Amino acid sequence: MPADAALQIEVPCPRETIAALRAGQQVLLSGRVYTARDAAHARLLQAAKAGKEPPVPLEGEVIYYCGPTPAPPGHPIGSCGPTSAARMDPYLELTLSLGVVATIGKGNRSVQARRTIVQYKSAYLVAVGGTGALLAQRVTAARVVAYEDLGPEAIYELTLDRMPLLVAYDAAGGTIFAGEEPLQEGGQGGG
């Protein structure tokens, strides 16, 4: 995607920045994001149920559904392609309620997840599946920040430099996926 055609966003950012995005818009994302997949989300849920704070600050943050591979010599990270987002749908309301403003993954999501995105004025961004090695070139730094025992499913902090993404679902109920109806005001429809 040409850099001049995409909106450049620095994260963390205010929810209002994300709420203004629209489905189909190209984004170049820079700044800090956290990775989390199934096991890390399950731990976040356990912590929340126990009344504990998350292990990393989530206000204004973006979660990338990704389990990176080990870094080859001279690189901050190995392949870091997106995980199917639908697997994290049961945890979406939790993470958004903790302050997360957007998520990154691949594939479509449930109608309930879409309604939750609208409710929290969030967005779901997609990366192209199978491009993990190319996406890794947009990562300038990576470190494990929580749940190290989970290996690739630990929470990593990544620093991005213009990672190319597409807005799949927006805060107004818009979608890029064929066969899905846009949600209407208040998150109705889409089924």
C-alpha atoms as a PDB file:
ATOM      1  CA  MET A   1       0.000   0.000   0.000  1.00  0.00           C
ATOM      2  CA  PRO A   2       1.401   3.420  -0.846  1.00  0.00           C
ATOM      3  CA  ALA A   3       2.439   5.270   2.323  1.00  0.00           C
ATOM      4  CA  ASP A   4       0.632   8.439   1.231  1.00  0.00           C
ATOM      5  CA  ALA A   5      -2.700   6.558   0.879  1.00  0.00           C
ATOM      6  CA  ALA A   6      -2.681   5.248   4.448  1.00  0.00           C
ATOM      7  CA  LEU A   7      -3.439   7.020   7.703  1.00  0.00           C
ATOM      8  CA  GLN A   8      -0.433   7.006  10.021  1.00  0.00           C
ATOM      9  CA  ILE A   9      -1.316   6.317  13.662  1.00  0.00           C
ATOM     10  CA  GLU A  10       1.004   6.386  16.664  1.00  0.00           C
ATOM     11  CA  VAL A  11       0.003   4.152  19.582  1.00  0.00           C
ATOM     12  CA  PRO A  12      -0.874   4.202  22.388  1.00  0.00           C
ATOM     13  CA  CYS A  13      -3.556   6.688  21.410  1.00  0.00           C
ATOM     14  CA  PRO A  14      -6.873   8.102  22.596  1.00  0.00           C
ATOM     15  CA  ARG A  15     -10.028   6.112  21.900  1.00  0.00           C
ATOM     16  CA  GLU A  16     -11.286   9.053  19.788  1.00  0.00           C
ATOM     17  CA  THR A  17      -8.489   8.453  17.255  1.00  0.00           C
ATOM     18  CA  ILE A  18      -9.600   4.853  16.793  1.00  0.00           C
ATOM     19  CA  ALA A  19     -13.331   5.709  16.840  1.00  0.00           C
ATOM     20  CA  ALA A  20     -12.793   7.951  13.799  1.00  0.00           C
ATOM     21  CA  LEU A  21     -11.450   5.081  11.647  1.00  0.00           C
ATOM     22  CA  ARG A  22     -13.729   3.545   9.019  1.00  0.00           C
ATOM     23  CA  ALA A  23     -13.864   0.039   7.558  1.00  0.00           C
ATOM     24  CA  GLY A  24     -11.675  -0.268   4.483  1.00  0.00           C
ATOM     25  CA  GLN A  25      -9.270   2.464   5.554  1.00  0.00           C
ATOM     26  CA  GLN A  26      -5.572   1.676   5.300  1.00  0.00           C
ATOM     27  CA  VAL A  27      -3.474   2.315   8.402  1.00  0.00           C
ATOM     28  CA  LEU A  28       0.263   2.422   9.056  1.00  0.00           C
ATOM     29  CA  LEU A  29       0.624   1.699  12.767  1.00  0.00           C
ATOM     30  CA  SER A  30       3.675   2.832  14.739  1.00  0.00           C
ATOM     31  CA  GLY A  31       4.521   2.723  18.423  1.00  0.00           C
ATOM     32  CA  ARG A  32       3.899   0.172  21.166  1.00  0.00           C
ATOM     33  CA  VAL A  33       1.525  -2.778  20.898  1.00  0.00           C
ATOM     34  CA  TYR A  34       1.159  -5.870  23.055  1.00  0.00           C
ATOM     35  CA  THR A  35       0.787  -9.399  21.713  1.00  0.00           C
ATOM     36  CA  ALA A  36      -1.667 -11.799  23.315  1.00  0.00           C
ATOM     37  CA  ARG A  37      -3.251 -15.042  22.222  1.00  0.00           C
ATOM     38  CA  ASP A  38      -5.532 -17.610  23.851  1.00  0.00           C
ATOM     39  CA  ALA A  39      -3.412 -18.512  26.883  1.00  0.00           C
ATOM     40  CA  ALA A  40      -2.515 -14.907  27.747  1.00  0.00           C
ATOM     41  CA  HIS A  41      -6.157 -13.864  27.422  1.00  0.00           C
ATOM     42  CA  ALA A  42      -7.202 -16.691  29.751  1.00  0.00           C
ATOM     43  CA  ARG A  43      -4.691 -15.416  32.323  1.00  0.00           C
ATOM     44  CA  LEU A  44      -5.953 -11.839  31.931  1.00  0.00           C
ATOM     45  CA  LEU A  45      -9.466 -13.122  32.614  1.00  0.00           C
ATOM     46  CA  GLN A  46      -8.308 -15.046  35.713  1.00  0.00           C
ATOM     47  CA  ALA A  47      -6.551 -11.932  37.026  1.00  0.00           C
ATOM     48  CA  ALA A  48      -9.628  -9.776  36.426  1.00  0.00           C
ATOM     49  CA  LYS A  49     -11.876 -12.284  38.222  1.00  0.00           C
ATOM     50  CA  ALA A  50      -9.442 -12.216  41.166  1.00  0.00           C
ATOM     51  CA  GLY A  51      -9.596  -8.409  41.242  1.00  0.00           C
ATOM     52  CA  LYS A  52      -5.980  -8.025  40.096  1.00  0.00           C
ATOM     53  CA  GLU A  53      -4.641  -5.380  37.738  1.00  0.00           C
ATOM     54  CA  PRO A  54      -3.405  -6.533  34.310  1.00  0.00           C
ATOM     55  CA  PRO A  55       0.364  -7.156  34.141  1.00  0.00           C
ATOM     56  CA  VAL A  56       0.777  -4.331  31.614  1.00  0.00           C
ATOM     57  CA  PRO A  57      -1.034  -0.991  31.261  1.00  0.00           C
ATOM     58  CA  LEU A  58      -3.856  -1.363  28.726  1.00  0.00           C
ATOM     59  CA  GLU A  59      -5.385   2.130  28.584  1.00  0.00           C
ATOM     60  CA  GLY A  60      -5.078   3.399  24.994  1.00  0.00           C
ATOM     61  CA  GLU A  61      -3.227   0.272  23.899  1.00  0.00           C
ATOM     62  CA  VAL A  62      -3.580  -2.093  20.953  1.00  0.00           C
ATOM     63  CA  ILE A  63      -3.450  -5.882  21.276  1.00  0.00           C
ATOM     64  CA  TYR A  64      -1.998  -7.860  18.379  1.00  0.00           C
ATOM     65  CA  TYR A  65      -3.226 -11.463  18.259  1.00  0.00           C
ATOM     66  CA  CYS A  66       0.155 -12.966  17.495  1.00  0.00           C
ATOM     67  CA  GLY A  67       2.543 -15.633  18.757  1.00  0.00           C
ATOM     68  CA  PRO A  68       5.930 -14.570  17.397  1.00  0.00           C
ATOM     69  CA  THR A  69       8.680 -17.010  16.545  1.00  0.00           C
ATOM     70  CA  PRO A  70      12.167 -16.681  18.061  1.00  0.00           C
ATOM     71  CA  ALA A  71      14.316 -13.855  16.731  1.00  0.00           C
ATOM     72  CA  PRO A  72      17.071 -14.821  14.310  1.00  0.00           C
ATOM     73  CA  PRO A  73      20.495 -13.300  15.024  1.00  0.00           C
ATOM     74  CA  GLY A  74      20.524  -9.552  14.411  1.00  0.00           C
ATOM     75  CA  HIS A  75      16.720  -9.167  14.401  1.00  0.00           C
ATOM     76  CA  PRO A  76      14.321  -8.146  17.183  1.00  0.00           C
ATOM     77  CA  ILE A  77      11.757 -10.834  16.342  1.00  0.00           C
ATOM     78  CA  GLY A  78      11.082 -13.797  14.095  1.00  0.00           C
ATOM     79  CA  SER A  79       7.957 -14.212  12.026  1.00  0.00           C
ATOM     80  CA  CYS A  80       4.996 -12.444  13.645  1.00  0.00           C
ATOM     81  CA  GLY A  81       1.904 -13.036  11.574  1.00  0.00           C
ATOM     82  CA  PRO A  82      -1.647 -12.551  12.826  1.00  0.00           C
ATOM     83  CA  THR A  83      -3.729 -15.191  14.614  1.00  0.00           C
ATOM     84  CA  SER A  84      -7.403 -15.806  13.801  1.00  0.00           C
ATOM     85  CA  ALA A  85      -9.208 -13.189  15.860  1.00  0.00           C
ATOM     86  CA  ALA A  86     -12.413 -15.180  16.333  1.00  0.00           C
ATOM     87  CA  ARG A  87     -10.582 -17.342  18.884  1.00  0.00           C
ATOM     88  CA  MET A  88     -10.242 -14.273  21.126  1.00  0.00           C
ATOM     89  CA  ASP A  89     -13.891 -13.190  20.822  1.00  0.00           C
ATOM     90  CA  PRO A  90     -14.795 -14.541  24.300  1.00  0.00           C
ATOM     91  CA  TYR A  91     -12.207 -12.163  25.808  1.00  0.00           C
ATOM     92  CA  LEU A  92     -12.886  -9.065  23.706  1.00  0.00           C
ATOM     93  CA  GLU A  93     -15.215  -7.281  26.117  1.00  0.00           C
ATOM     94  CA  LEU A  94     -12.745  -7.816  28.970  1.00  0.00           C
ATOM     95  CA  THR A  95      -9.801  -6.320  27.092  1.00  0.00           C
ATOM     96  CA  LEU A  96     -11.790  -3.369  25.752  1.00  0.00           C
ATOM     97  CA  SER A  97     -13.189  -2.681  29.237  1.00  0.00           C
ATOM     98  CA  LEU A  98      -9.590  -2.569  30.527  1.00  0.00           C
ATOM     99  CA  GLY A  99      -8.812   0.267  28.098  1.00  0.00           C
ATOM    100  CA  VAL A 100      -7.636  -1.474  24.915  1.00  0.00           C
ATOM    101  CA  VAL A 101      -8.669   0.702  21.942  1.00  0.00           C
ATOM    102  CA  ALA A 102      -8.118  -1.735  19.059  1.00  0.00           C
ATOM    103  CA  THR A 103      -7.127  -5.286  18.226  1.00  0.00           C
ATOM    104  CA  ILE A 104      -5.185  -6.752  15.302  1.00  0.00           C
ATOM    105  CA  GLY A 105      -5.683 -10.212  13.847  1.00  0.00           C
ATOM    106  CA  LYS A 106      -6.909 -12.009  10.757  1.00  0.00           C
ATOM    107  CA  GLY A 107     -10.317 -13.143   9.598  1.00  0.00           C
ATOM    108  CA  ASN A 108     -13.809 -12.113  10.537  1.00  0.00           C
ATOM    109  CA  ARG A 109     -15.366 -12.094  14.007  1.00  0.00           C
ATOM    110  CA  SER A 110     -18.695 -12.978  15.589  1.00  0.00           C
ATOM    111  CA  VAL A 111     -21.660 -10.608  15.504  1.00  0.00           C
ATOM    112  CA  GLN A 112     -21.350 -10.274  19.295  1.00  0.00           C
ATOM    113  CA  ALA A 113     -17.690  -9.228  18.942  1.00  0.00           C
ATOM    114  CA  ARG A 114     -18.699  -6.653  16.338  1.00  0.00           C
ATOM    115  CA  ARG A 115     -21.353  -5.279  18.703  1.00  0.00           C
ATOM    116  CA  THR A 116     -18.744  -5.054  21.457  1.00  0.00           C
ATOM    117  CA  ILE A 117     -16.431  -3.120  19.120  1.00  0.00           C
ATOM    118  CA  VAL A 118     -19.243  -0.629  18.452  1.00  0.00           C
ATOM    119  CA  GLN A 119     -20.148  -0.413  22.154  1.00  0.00           C
ATOM    120  CA  TYR A 120     -16.575   0.484  23.138  1.00  0.00           C
ATOM    121  CA  LYS A 121     -15.943   2.749  20.118  1.00  0.00           C
ATOM    122  CA  SER A 122     -13.091   0.462  19.135  1.00  0.00           C
ATOM    123  CA  ALA A 123     -11.795  -0.983  15.862  1.00  0.00           C
ATOM    124  CA  TYR A 124     -10.546  -4.307  14.599  1.00  0.00           C
ATOM    125  CA  LEU A 125      -7.581  -4.110  12.244  1.00  0.00           C
ATOM    126  CA  VAL A 126      -6.438  -6.939  10.011  1.00  0.00           C
ATOM    127  CA  ALA A 127      -3.034  -7.962   8.794  1.00  0.00           C
ATOM    128  CA  VAL A 128      -2.686 -10.291   5.845  1.00  0.00           C
ATOM    129  CA  GLY A 129      -2.274 -13.905   6.918  1.00  0.00           C
ATOM    130  CA  GLY A 130       0.884 -15.611   5.660  1.00  0.00           C
ATOM    131  CA  THR A 131       2.941 -12.411   5.766  1.00  0.00           C
ATOM    132  CA  GLY A 132       4.563 -12.911   9.180  1.00  0.00           C
ATOM    133  CA  ALA A 133       8.109 -12.563   7.840  1.00  0.00           C
ATOM    134  CA  LEU A 134       7.215  -9.321   6.058  1.00  0.00           C
ATOM    135  CA  LEU A 135       5.371  -7.947   9.095  1.00  0.00           C
ATOM    136  CA  ALA A 136       8.427  -8.720  11.244  1.00  0.00           C
ATOM    137  CA  GLN A 137      10.319  -6.140   9.176  1.00  0.00           C
ATOM    138  CA  ARG A 138       8.007  -3.483  10.686  1.00  0.00           C
ATOM    139  CA  VAL A 139       8.998  -4.477  14.259  1.00  0.00           C
ATOM    140  CA  THR A 140      11.950  -2.478  15.589  1.00  0.00           C
ATOM    141  CA  ALA A 141      12.012  -3.908  19.132  1.00  0.00           C
ATOM    142  CA  ALA A 142      10.438  -6.814  21.015  1.00  0.00           C
ATOM    143  CA  ARG A 143      10.543  -8.054  24.601  1.00  0.00           C
ATOM    144  CA  VAL A 144       8.504 -10.361  26.811  1.00  0.00           C
ATOM    145  CA  VAL A 145       6.668  -8.317  29.455  1.00  0.00           C
ATOM    146  CA  ALA A 146       4.308 -10.858  31.080  1.00  0.00           C
ATOM    147  CA  TYR A 147       3.578 -14.583  31.357  1.00  0.00           C
ATOM    148  CA  GLU A 148       7.040 -15.600  30.138  1.00  0.00           C
ATOM    149  CA  ASP A 149       6.273 -19.246  30.956  1.00  0.00           C
ATOM    150  CA  LEU A 150       3.809 -19.282  28.034  1.00  0.00           C
ATOM    151  CA  GLY A 151       6.634 -19.110  25.471  1.00  0.00           C
ATOM    152  CA  PRO A 152       5.343 -17.675  22.183  1.00  0.00           C
ATOM    153  CA  GLU A 153       1.962 -17.070  23.859  1.00  0.00           C
ATOM    154  CA  ALA A 154       3.542 -14.768  26.454  1.00  0.00           C
ATOM    155  CA  ILE A 155       2.664 -11.094  26.276  1.00  0.00           C
ATOM    156  CA  TYR A 156       5.296  -9.317  24.207  1.00  0.00           C
ATOM    157  CA  GLU A 157       5.738  -5.586  23.878  1.00  0.00           C
ATOM    158  CA  LEU A 158       6.485  -4.764  20.244  1.00  0.00           C
ATOM    159  CA  THR A 159       7.611  -1.438  18.857  1.00  0.00           C
ATOM    160  CA  LEU A 160       6.215  -0.982  15.358  1.00  0.00           C
ATOM    161  CA  ASP A 161       7.330   1.250  12.527  1.00  0.00           C
ATOM    162  CA  ARG A 162       4.495   1.742  10.032  1.00  0.00           C
ATOM    163  CA  MET A 163       3.005  -1.759  10.098  1.00  0.00           C
ATOM    164  CA  PRO A 164       0.480  -1.918   7.219  1.00  0.00           C
ATOM    165  CA  LEU A 165      -3.037  -2.822   8.356  1.00  0.00           C
ATOM    166  CA  LEU A 166      -6.620  -2.489   7.168  1.00  0.00           C
ATOM    167  CA  VAL A 167      -9.614  -1.441   9.262  1.00  0.00           C
ATOM    168  CA  ALA A 168     -11.947  -4.457   9.141  1.00  0.00           C
ATOM    169  CA  TYR A 169     -14.591  -3.375  11.684  1.00  0.00           C
ATOM    170  CA  ASP A 170     -15.126   0.159  12.892  1.00  0.00           C
ATOM    171  CA  ALA A 171     -16.855   1.923  15.779  1.00  0.00           C
ATOM    172  CA  ALA A 172     -19.807   2.798  13.533  1.00  0.00           C
ATOM    173  CA  GLY A 173     -20.510  -0.869  12.723  1.00  0.00           C
ATOM    174  CA  GLY A 174     -18.824  -0.906   9.308  1.00  0.00           C
ATOM    175  CA  THR A 175     -17.254  -4.064   7.882  1.00  0.00           C
ATOM    176  CA  ILE A 176     -15.007  -5.048   4.984  1.00  0.00           C
ATOM    177  CA  PHE A 177     -16.163  -8.659   4.879  1.00  0.00           C
ATOM    178  CA  ALA A 178     -18.432  -9.729   2.027  1.00  0.00           C
ATOM    179  CA  GLY A 179     -21.731 -11.169   3.194  1.00  0.00           C
ATOM    180  CA  GLU A 180     -21.743  -9.255   6.479  1.00  0.00           C
ATOM    181  CA  GLU A 181     -24.258  -6.474   6.915  1.00  0.00           C
ATOM    182  CA  PRO A 182     -23.046  -3.288   8.596  1.00  0.00           C
ATOM    183  CA  LEU A 183     -24.267  -2.905  12.162  1.00  0.00           C
ATOM    184  CA  GLN A 184     -26.595   0.002  12.757  1.00  0.00           C
ATOM    185  CA  GLU A 185     -26.449   2.621  15.507  1.00  0.00           C
ATOM    186  CA  GLY A 186     -26.302   0.916  18.884  1.00  0.00           C
ATOM    187  CA  GLY A 187     -24.754  -2.256  17.417  1.00  0.00           C
ATOM    188  CA  GLN A 188     -27.990  -3.690  15.968  1.00  0.00           C
ATOM    189  CA  GLY A 189     -28.065  -5.849  12.857  1.00  0.00           C
ATOM    190  CA  GLY A 190     -25.176  -7.716  11.312  1.00  0.00           C
ATOM    191  CA  GLY A 191     -26.766 -11.113  11.777  1.00  0.00           C
END
